[in-house]
C-alpha cells in the first residue's frame, strides 16, 4: 500500500513539473513573439522617417529603404509604394 502511494506521488509530482515547464516555455514564446512584432513596427517607422528626411533634404521624389520604395507626397506625408499607404511623419 505504501509503495503504491509513493509511486502515485512521484507521478503527480512529475506531471506538475511538466505543466510548470510548459507554462514557462509558452510564456517565453509569447514574450519573444511580441518583442519581434514591436521591433518590426519601430523599424518600419524609423525607415519611413529616414526616407522622408532624405527626400526632403536631397529633393528626390522616391527612395528605397530596406526593400521598400517610398515616395514624397507633401511636407508631412510619405507614400509606401508596396502597400500603397500614406503615412504622416511626426517630428
PDB file of N, CA and C in Angstrom:
ATOM      1  N   UNK A   1       0.818  -1.193   0.000  1.00  0.00           N
ATOM      2  CA  UNK A   1       0.000   0.000   0.000  1.00  0.00           C
ATOM      3  C   UNK A   1       0.863   1.258   0.000  1.00  0.00           C
ATOM      4  N   UNK A   2       1.916   1.277   0.803  1.00  0.00           N
ATOM      5  CA  UNK A   2       2.781   2.442   0.884  1.00  0.00           C
ATOM      6  C   UNK A   2       3.521   2.640  -0.432  1.00  0.00           C
ATOM      7  N   UNK A   3       3.909   1.521  -1.096  1.00  0.00           N
ATOM      8  CA  UNK A   3       4.626   1.601  -2.378  1.00  0.00           C
ATOM      9  C   UNK A   3       3.745   2.239  -3.458  1.00  0.00           C
ATOM     10  N   UNK A   4       2.457   1.910  -3.499  1.00  0.00           N
ATOM     11  CA  UNK A   4       1.541   2.484  -4.479  1.00  0.00           C
ATOM     12  C   UNK A   4       1.354   3.986  -4.233  1.00  0.00           C
ATOM     13  N   UNK A   5       1.264   4.379  -2.955  1.00  0.00           N
ATOM     14  CA  UNK A   5       1.115   5.802  -2.643  1.00  0.00           C
ATOM     15  C   UNK A   5       2.358   6.582  -3.056  1.00  0.00           C
ATOM     16  N   UNK A   6       3.535   5.985  -2.856  1.00  0.00           N
ATOM     17  CA  UNK A   6       4.781   6.646  -3.211  1.00  0.00           C
ATOM     18  C   UNK A   6       4.888   6.810  -4.723  1.00  0.00           C
ATOM     19  N   UNK A   7       4.540   5.783  -5.499  1.00  0.00           N
ATOM     20  CA  UNK A   7       4.570   5.859  -6.968  1.00  0.00           C
ATOM     21  C   UNK A   7       3.567   6.902  -7.464  1.00  0.00           C
ATOM     22  N   UNK A   8       2.392   6.925  -6.874  1.00  0.00           N
ATOM     23  CA  UNK A   8       1.387   7.903  -7.263  1.00  0.00           C
ATOM     24  C   UNK A   8       1.852   9.325  -6.978  1.00  0.00           C
ATOM     25  N   UNK A   9       2.506   9.530  -5.858  1.00  0.00           N
ATOM     26  CA  UNK A   9       3.021  10.845  -5.514  1.00  0.00           C
ATOM     27  C   UNK A   9       4.102  11.284  -6.507  1.00  0.00           C
ATOM     28  N   UNK A  10       5.005  10.369  -6.859  1.00  0.00           N
ATOM     29  CA  UNK A  10       6.072  10.695  -7.805  1.00  0.00           C
ATOM     30  C   UNK A  10       5.517  11.018  -9.198  1.00  0.00           C
ATOM     31  N   UNK A  11       4.497  10.284  -9.617  1.00  0.00           N
ATOM     32  CA  UNK A  11       3.880  10.556 -10.918  1.00  0.00           C
ATOM     33  C   UNK A  11       3.201  11.926 -10.895  1.00  0.00           C
ATOM     34  N   UNK A  12       2.486  12.217  -9.827  1.00  0.00           N
ATOM     35  CA  UNK A  12       1.807  13.510  -9.716  1.00  0.00           C
ATOM     36  C   UNK A  12       2.825  14.650  -9.675  1.00  0.00           C
ATOM     37  N   UNK A  13       3.908  14.458  -8.944  1.00  0.00           N
ATOM     38  CA  UNK A  13       4.953  15.480  -8.878  1.00  0.00           C
ATOM     39  C   UNK A  13       5.579  15.709 -10.254  1.00  0.00           C
ATOM     40  N   UNK A  14       5.804  14.659 -11.005  1.00  0.00           N
ATOM     41  CA  UNK A  14       6.364  14.779 -12.352  1.00  0.00           C
ATOM     42  C   UNK A  14       5.399  15.510 -13.281  1.00  0.00           C
ATOM     43  N   UNK A  15       4.114  15.220 -13.165  1.00  0.00           N
ATOM     44  CA  UNK A  15       3.119  15.896 -14.002  1.00  0.00           C
ATOM     45  C   UNK A  15       3.072  17.395 -13.699  1.00  0.00           C
ATOM     46  N   UNK A  16       3.115  17.752 -12.446  1.00  0.00           N
ATOM     47  CA  UNK A  16       3.093  19.170 -12.062  1.00  0.00           C
ATOM     48  C   UNK A  16       4.353  19.869 -12.576  1.00  0.00           C
ATOM     49  N   UNK A  17       5.497  19.209 -12.483  1.00  0.00           N
ATOM     50  CA  UNK A  17       6.739  19.779 -13.023  1.00  0.00           C
ATOM     51  C   UNK A  17       6.658  19.982 -14.523  1.00  0.00           C
ATOM     52  N   UNK A  18       6.069  19.036 -15.239  1.00  0.00           N
ATOM     53  CA  UNK A  18       5.900  19.149 -16.689  1.00  0.00           C
ATOM     54  C   UNK A  18       4.953  20.291 -17.044  1.00  0.00           C
ATOM     55  N   UNK A  19       3.884  20.445 -16.289  1.00  0.00           N
ATOM     56  CA  UNK A  19       2.935  21.545 -16.527  1.00  0.00           C
ATOM     57  C   UNK A  19       3.617  22.892 -16.307  1.00  0.00           C
ATOM     58  N   UNK A  20       4.407  23.013 -15.247  1.00  0.00           N
ATOM     59  CA  UNK A  20       5.118  24.268 -14.970  1.00  0.00           C
ATOM     60  C   UNK A  20       6.113  24.567 -16.094  1.00  0.00           C
ATOM     61  N   UNK A  21       6.815  23.560 -16.588  1.00  0.00           N
ATOM     62  CA  UNK A  21       7.767  23.760 -17.688  1.00  0.00           C
ATOM     63  C   UNK A  21       7.048  24.205 -18.960  1.00  0.00           C
ATOM     64  N   UNK A  22       5.895  23.617 -19.264  1.00  0.00           N
ATOM     65  CA  UNK A  22       5.118  24.010 -20.448  1.00  0.00           C
ATOM     66  C   UNK A  22       4.635  25.453 -20.347  1.00  0.00           C
ATOM     67  N   UNK A  23       4.178  25.842 -19.182  1.00  0.00           N
ATOM     68  CA  UNK A  23       3.739  27.228 -18.975  1.00  0.00           C
ATOM     69  C   UNK A  23       4.915  28.184 -19.171  1.00  0.00           C
ATOM     70  N   UNK A  24       6.073  27.827 -18.653  1.00  0.00           N
ATOM     71  CA  UNK A  24       7.261  28.665 -18.808  1.00  0.00           C
ATOM     72  C   UNK A  24       7.674  28.813 -20.267  1.00  0.00           C
ATOM     73  N   UNK A  25       7.678  27.724 -21.026  1.00  0.00           N
ATOM     74  CA  UNK A  25       8.047  27.770 -22.443  1.00  0.00           C
ATOM     75  C   UNK A  25       7.043  28.606 -23.228  1.00  0.00           C
ATOM     76  N   UNK A  26       5.766  28.440 -22.955  1.00  0.00           N
ATOM     77  CA  UNK A  26       4.731  29.216 -23.644  1.00  0.00           C
ATOM     78  C   UNK A  26       4.872  30.704 -23.349  1.00  0.00           C
ATOM     79  N   UNK A  27       5.147  31.051 -22.109  1.00  0.00           N
ATOM     80  CA  UNK A  27       5.324  32.452 -21.732  1.00  0.00           C
ATOM     81  C   UNK A  27       6.523  33.075 -22.445  1.00  0.00           C
ATOM     82  N   UNK A  28       7.629  32.370 -22.497  1.00  0.00           N
ATOM     83  CA  UNK A  28       8.821  32.877 -23.189  1.00  0.00           C
ATOM     84  C   UNK A  28       8.536  33.059 -24.674  1.00  0.00           C
ATOM     85  N   UNK A  29       7.834  32.124 -25.271  1.00  0.00           N
ATOM     86  CA  UNK A  29       7.491  32.220 -26.694  1.00  0.00           C
ATOM     87  C   UNK A  29       6.620  33.445 -26.975  1.00  0.00           C
ATOM     88  N   UNK A  30       5.639  33.699 -26.132  1.00  0.00           N
ATOM     89  CA  UNK A  30       4.781  34.871 -26.305  1.00  0.00           C
ATOM     90  C   UNK A  30       5.565  36.173 -26.156  1.00  0.00           C
ATOM     91  N   UNK A  31       6.458  36.231 -25.194  1.00  0.00           N
ATOM     92  CA  UNK A  31       7.255  37.435 -24.972  1.00  0.00           C
ATOM     93  C   UNK A  31       8.160  37.704 -26.164  1.00  0.00           C
ATOM     94  N   UNK A  32       8.815  36.677 -26.675  1.00  0.00           N
ATOM     95  CA  UNK A  32       9.716  36.848 -27.828  1.00  0.00           C
ATOM     96  C   UNK A  32       8.928  37.252 -29.066  1.00  0.00           C
ATOM     97  N   UNK A  33       7.776  36.638 -29.288  1.00  0.00           N
ATOM     98  CA  UNK A  33       6.948  36.983 -30.446  1.00  0.00           C
ATOM     99  C   UNK A  33       6.481  38.428 -30.409  1.00  0.00           C
ATOM    100  N   UNK A  34       6.034  38.889 -29.259  1.00  0.00           N
ATOM    101  CA  UNK A  34       5.579  40.270 -29.123  1.00  0.00           C
ATOM    102  C   UNK A  34       6.729  41.253 -29.292  1.00  0.00           C
ATOM    103  N   UNK A  35       7.885  40.926 -28.737  1.00  0.00           N
ATOM    104  CA  UNK A  35       9.024  41.847 -28.869  1.00  0.00           C
ATOM    105  C   UNK A  35       9.475  41.942 -30.321  1.00  0.00           C
ATOM    106  N   UNK A  36       9.407  40.864 -31.083  1.00  0.00           N
ATOM    107  CA  UNK A  36       9.749  40.914 -32.510  1.00  0.00           C
ATOM    108  C   UNK A  36       8.749  41.772 -33.277  1.00  0.00           C
ATOM    109  N   UNK A  37       7.486  41.685 -32.943  1.00  0.00           N
ATOM    110  CA  UNK A  37       6.459  42.500 -33.594  1.00  0.00           C
ATOM    111  C   UNK A  37       6.681  43.986 -33.308  1.00  0.00           C
ATOM    112  N   UNK A  38       6.963  44.307 -32.063  1.00  0.00           N
ATOM    113  CA  UNK A  38       7.233  45.696 -31.694  1.00  0.00           C
ATOM    114  C   UNK A  38       8.485  46.199 -32.401  1.00  0.00           C
ATOM    115  N   UNK A  39       9.513  45.373 -32.465  1.00  0.00           N
ATOM    116  CA  UNK A  39      10.758  45.754 -33.140  1.00  0.00           C
ATOM    117  C   UNK A  39      10.521  46.030 -34.624  1.00  0.00           C
ATOM    118  N   UNK A  40       9.715  45.199 -35.275  1.00  0.00           N
ATOM    119  CA  UNK A  40       9.412  45.387 -36.695  1.00  0.00           C
ATOM    120  C   UNK A  40       8.657  46.700 -36.935  1.00  0.00           C
ATOM    121  N   UNK A  41       7.685  47.018 -36.067  1.00  0.00           N
ATOM    122  CA  UNK A  41       6.932  48.261 -36.206  1.00  0.00           C
ATOM    123  C   UNK A  41       7.832  49.480 -36.029  1.00  0.00           C
ATOM    124  N   UNK A  42       8.714  49.436 -35.044  1.00  0.00           N
ATOM    125  CA  UNK A  42       9.621  50.559 -34.805  1.00  0.00           C
ATOM    126  C   UNK A  42      10.587  50.716 -35.974  1.00  0.00           C
ATOM    127  N   UNK A  43      11.066  49.602 -36.516  1.00  0.00           N
ATOM    128  CA  UNK A  43      11.980  49.665 -37.659  1.00  0.00           C
ATOM    129  C   UNK A  43      11.297  50.281 -38.880  1.00  0.00           C
ATOM    130  N   UNK A  44      10.047  49.913 -39.137  1.00  0.00           N
ATOM    131  CA  UNK A  44       9.330  50.489 -40.270  1.00  0.00           C
ATOM    132  C   UNK A  44       9.091  51.985 -40.082  1.00  0.00           C
ATOM    133  N   UNK A  45       8.751  52.383 -38.872  1.00  0.00           N
ATOM    134  CA  UNK A  45       8.535  53.804 -38.595  1.00  0.00           C
ATOM    135  C   UNK A  45       9.840  54.581 -38.771  1.00  0.00           C
ATOM    136  N   UNK A  46      10.931  54.032 -38.308  1.00  0.00           N
ATOM    137  CA  UNK A  46      12.232  54.670 -38.462  1.00  0.00           C
ATOM    138  C   UNK A  46      12.620  54.763 -39.933  1.00  0.00           C
ATOM    139  N   UNK A  47      12.358  53.702 -40.701  1.00  0.00           N
ATOM    140  CA  UNK A  47      12.658  53.719 -42.135  1.00  0.00           C
ATOM    141  C   UNK A  47      11.861  54.788 -42.866  1.00  0.00           C
ATOM    142  N   UNK A  48      10.588  54.946 -42.520  1.00  0.00           N
ATOM    143  CA  UNK A  48       9.762  55.982 -43.151  1.00  0.00           C
ATOM    144  C   UNK A  48      10.287  57.378 -42.828  1.00  0.00           C
ATOM    145  N   UNK A  49      10.648  57.590 -41.569  1.00  0.00           N
ATOM    146  CA  UNK A  49      11.179  58.894 -41.172  1.00  0.00           C
ATOM    147  C   UNK A  49      12.505  59.173 -41.874  1.00  0.00           C
ATOM    148  N   UNK A  50      13.343  58.160 -41.974  1.00  0.00           N
ATOM    149  CA  UNK A  50      14.625  58.306 -42.663  1.00  0.00           C
ATOM    150  C   UNK A  50      14.413  58.638 -44.136  1.00  0.00           C
ATOM    151  N   UNK A  51      13.512  57.906 -44.793  1.00  0.00           N
ATOM    152  CA  UNK A  51      13.235  58.150 -46.213  1.00  0.00           C
ATOM    153  C   UNK A  51      12.691  59.566 -46.415  1.00  0.00           C
ATOM    154  N   UNK A  52      11.790  60.001 -45.558  1.00  0.00           N
ATOM    155  CA  UNK A  52      11.223  61.353 -45.660  1.00  0.00           C
ATOM    156  C   UNK A  52      12.325  62.403 -45.505  1.00  0.00           C
ATOM    157  N   UNK A  53      13.212  62.185 -44.535  1.00  0.00           N
ATOM    158  CA  UNK A  53      14.290  63.123 -44.286  1.00  0.00           C
ATOM    159  C   UNK A  53      15.242  63.201 -45.491  1.00  0.00           C
ATOM    160  N   UNK A  54      15.585  62.058 -46.073  1.00  0.00           N
ATOM    161  CA  UNK A  54      16.463  62.033 -47.249  1.00  0.00           C
ATOM    162  C   UNK A  54      15.805  62.754 -48.416  1.00  0.00           C
ATOM    163  N   UNK A  55      14.529  62.466 -48.657  1.00  0.00           N
ATOM    164  CA  UNK A  55      13.835  63.098 -49.778  1.00  0.00           C
ATOM    165  C   UNK A  55      13.688  64.607 -49.561  1.00  0.00           C
ATOM    166  N   UNK A  56      13.468  65.016 -48.337  1.00  0.00           N
ATOM    167  CA  UNK A  56      13.299  66.435 -48.033  1.00  0.00           C
ATOM    168  C   UNK A  56      14.604  67.204 -48.253  1.00  0.00           C
ATOM    169  N   UNK A  57      15.724  66.609 -47.852  1.00  0.00           N
ATOM    170  CA  UNK A  57      17.000  67.307 -47.947  1.00  0.00           C
ATOM    171  C   UNK A  57      17.636  67.231 -49.335  1.00  0.00           C
ATOM    172  N   UNK A  58      17.353  66.168 -50.094  1.00  0.00           N
ATOM    173  CA  UNK A  58      18.016  65.996 -51.391  1.00  0.00           C
ATOM    174  C   UNK A  58      17.111  66.323 -52.572  1.00  0.00           C
ATOM    175  N   UNK A  59      15.842  66.616 -52.314  1.00  0.00           N
ATOM    176  CA  UNK A  59      14.870  66.943 -53.366  1.00  0.00           C
ATOM    177  C   UNK A  59      14.695  65.828 -54.399  1.00  0.00           C
ATOM    178  N   UNK A  60      14.758  64.571 -53.975  1.00  0.00           N
ATOM    179  CA  UNK A  60      14.431  63.450 -54.863  1.00  0.00           C
ATOM    180  C   UNK A  60      12.978  63.064 -54.615  1.00  0.00           C
ATOM    181  N   UNK A  61      12.374  62.391 -55.589  1.00  0.00           N
ATOM    182  CA  UNK A  61      10.949  62.056 -55.490  1.00  0.00           C
ATOM    183  C   UNK A  61      10.691  60.724 -54.795  1.00  0.00           C
ATOM    184  N   UNK A  62      11.656  59.789 -54.862  1.00  0.00           N
ATOM    185  CA  UNK A  62      11.451  58.493 -54.217  1.00  0.00           C
ATOM    186  C   UNK A  62      12.778  57.923 -53.731  1.00  0.00           C
ATOM    187  N   UNK A  63      12.693  57.101 -52.694  1.00  0.00           N
ATOM    188  CA  UNK A  63      13.863  56.484 -52.075  1.00  0.00           C
ATOM    189  C   UNK A  63      13.505  55.055 -51.702  1.00  0.00           C
ATOM    190  N   UNK A  64      14.476  54.123 -51.858  1.00  0.00           N
ATOM    191  CA  UNK A  64      14.266  52.747 -51.427  1.00  0.00           C
ATOM    192  C   UNK A  64      15.056  52.513 -50.138  1.00  0.00           C
ATOM    193  N   UNK A  65      14.339  52.045 -49.121  1.00  0.00           N
ATOM    194  CA  UNK A  65      14.946  51.729 -47.833  1.00  0.00           C
ATOM    195  C   UNK A  65      14.490  50.336 -47.433  1.00  0.00           C
ATOM    196  N   UNK A  66      15.446  49.427 -47.249  1.00  0.00           N
ATOM    197  CA  UNK A  66      15.156  48.042 -46.852  1.00  0.00           C
ATOM    198  C   UNK A  66      14.067  47.396 -47.722  1.00  0.00           C
ATOM    199  N   UNK A  67      14.248  47.399 -49.002  1.00  0.00           N
ATOM    200  CA  UNK A  67      13.346  46.768 -49.974  1.00  0.00           C
ATOM    201  C   UNK A  67      11.949  47.391 -50.017  1.00  0.00           C
ATOM    202  N   UNK A  68      11.809  48.592 -49.538  1.00  0.00           N
ATOM    203  CA  UNK A  68      10.541  49.316 -49.632  1.00  0.00           C
ATOM    204  C   UNK A  68      10.789  50.633 -50.345  1.00  0.00           C
ATOM    205  N   UNK A  69       9.914  50.922 -51.281  1.00  0.00           N
ATOM    206  CA  UNK A  69      10.024  52.149 -52.050  1.00  0.00           C
ATOM    207  C   UNK A  69       9.078  53.189 -51.470  1.00  0.00           C
ATOM    208  N   UNK A  70       9.620  54.355 -51.144  1.00  0.00           N
ATOM    209  CA  UNK A  70       8.839  55.445 -50.573  1.00  0.00           C
ATOM    210  C   UNK A  70       8.847  56.615 -51.541  1.00  0.00           C
ATOM    211  N   UNK A  71       7.699  57.281 -51.650  1.00  0.00           N
ATOM    212  CA  UNK A  71       7.571  58.482 -52.478  1.00  0.00           C
ATOM    213  C   UNK A  71       7.160  59.658 -51.607  1.00  0.00           C
ATOM    214  N   UNK A  72       7.677  60.808 -51.967  1.00  0.00           N
ATOM    215  CA  UNK A  72       7.378  62.043 -51.256  1.00  0.00           C
ATOM    216  C   UNK A  72       6.006  62.544 -51.698  1.00  0.00           C
ATOM    217  N   UNK A  73       5.091  62.745 -50.761  1.00  0.00           N
ATOM    218  CA  UNK A  73       3.745  63.210 -51.081  1.00  0.00           C
ATOM    219  C   UNK A  73       3.645  64.717 -50.855  1.00  0.00           C
ATOM    220  N   UNK A  74       3.870  65.152 -49.635  1.00  0.00           N
ATOM    221  CA  UNK A  74       3.903  66.578 -49.338  1.00  0.00           C
ATOM    222  C   UNK A  74       4.819  66.812 -48.143  1.00  0.00           C
ATOM    223  N   UNK A  75       4.694  67.954 -47.533  1.00  0.00           N
ATOM    224  CA  UNK A  75       5.627  68.345 -46.493  1.00  0.00           C
ATOM    225  C   UNK A  75       5.645  67.396 -45.293  1.00  0.00           C
ATOM    226  N   UNK A  76       4.543  66.762 -44.982  1.00  0.00           N
ATOM    227  CA  UNK A  76       4.480  65.895 -43.797  1.00  0.00           C
ATOM    228  C   UNK A  76       4.032  64.472 -44.101  1.00  0.00           C
ATOM    229  N   UNK A  77       3.896  64.098 -45.377  1.00  0.00           N
ATOM    230  CA  UNK A  77       3.404  62.762 -45.714  1.00  0.00           C
ATOM    231  C   UNK A  77       4.340  62.057 -46.675  1.00  0.00           C
ATOM    232  N   UNK A  78       4.307  60.729 -46.577  1.00  0.00           N
ATOM    233  CA  UNK A  78       5.123  59.872 -47.422  1.00  0.00           C
ATOM    234  C   UNK A  78       4.261  58.689 -47.862  1.00  0.00           C
ATOM    235  N   UNK A  79       4.499  58.168 -49.065  1.00  0.00           N
ATOM    236  CA  UNK A  79       3.718  57.059 -49.608  1.00  0.00           C
ATOM    237  C   UNK A  79       4.584  55.817 -49.677  1.00  0.00           C
ATOM    238  N   UNK A  80       4.109  54.725 -49.081  1.00  0.00           N
ATOM    239  CA  UNK A  80       4.756  53.422 -49.223  1.00  0.00           C
ATOM    240  C   UNK A  80       4.180  52.781 -50.478  1.00  0.00           C
ATOM    241  N   UNK A  81       4.989  52.643 -51.523  1.00  0.00           N
ATOM    242  CA  UNK A  81       4.504  52.176 -52.817  1.00  0.00           C
ATOM    243  C   UNK A  81       4.061  50.712 -52.741  1.00  0.00           C
ATOM    244  N   UNK A  82       4.760  49.891 -51.977  1.00  0.00           N
ATOM    245  CA  UNK A  82       4.430  48.470 -51.879  1.00  0.00           C
ATOM    246  C   UNK A  82       3.031  48.252 -51.304  1.00  0.00           C
ATOM    247  N   UNK A  83       2.706  48.970 -50.237  1.00  0.00           N
ATOM    248  CA  UNK A  83       1.394  48.834 -49.587  1.00  0.00           C
ATOM    249  C   UNK A  83       0.380  49.848 -50.087  1.00  0.00           C
ATOM    250  N   UNK A  84       0.848  50.842 -50.848  1.00  0.00           N
ATOM    251  CA  UNK A  84       0.024  51.926 -51.336  1.00  0.00           C
ATOM    252  C   UNK A  84      -0.694  52.652 -50.187  1.00  0.00           C
ATOM    253  N   UNK A  85       0.085  52.919 -49.121  1.00  0.00           N
ATOM    254  CA  UNK A  85      -0.451  53.598 -47.945  1.00  0.00           C
ATOM    255  C   UNK A  85       0.324  54.878 -47.693  1.00  0.00           C
ATOM    256  N   UNK A  86      -0.396  55.912 -47.284  1.00  0.00           N
ATOM    257  CA  UNK A  86       0.238  57.172 -46.919  1.00  0.00           C
ATOM    258  C   UNK A  86       0.434  57.219 -45.411  1.00  0.00           C
ATOM    259  N   UNK A  87       1.586  57.720 -45.038  1.00  0.00           N
ATOM    260  CA  UNK A  87       1.910  57.850 -43.613  1.00  0.00           C
ATOM    261  C   UNK A  87       2.272  59.288 -43.319  1.00  0.00           C
ATOM    262  N   UNK A  88       1.816  59.770 -42.187  1.00  0.00           N
ATOM    263  CA  UNK A  88       2.164  61.117 -41.747  1.00  0.00           C
ATOM    264  C   UNK A  88       3.425  61.035 -40.905  1.00  0.00           C
ATOM    265  N   UNK A  89       4.360  61.900 -41.182  1.00  0.00           N
ATOM    266  CA  UNK A  89       5.618  61.921 -40.457  1.00  0.00           C
ATOM    267  C   UNK A  89       5.516  62.960 -39.352  1.00  0.00           C
ATOM    268  N   UNK A  90       5.799  62.532 -38.131  1.00  0.00           N
ATOM    269  CA  UNK A  90       5.783  63.427 -36.977  1.00  0.00           C
ATOM    270  C   UNK A  90       7.205  63.699 -36.548  1.00  0.00           C
ATOM    271  N   UNK A  91       7.484  64.954 -36.271  1.00  0.00           N
ATOM    272  CA  UNK A  91       8.846  65.313 -35.861  1.00  0.00           C
ATOM    273  C   UNK A  91       9.064  65.048 -34.410  1.00  0.00           C
TER     274      UNK A  91
END
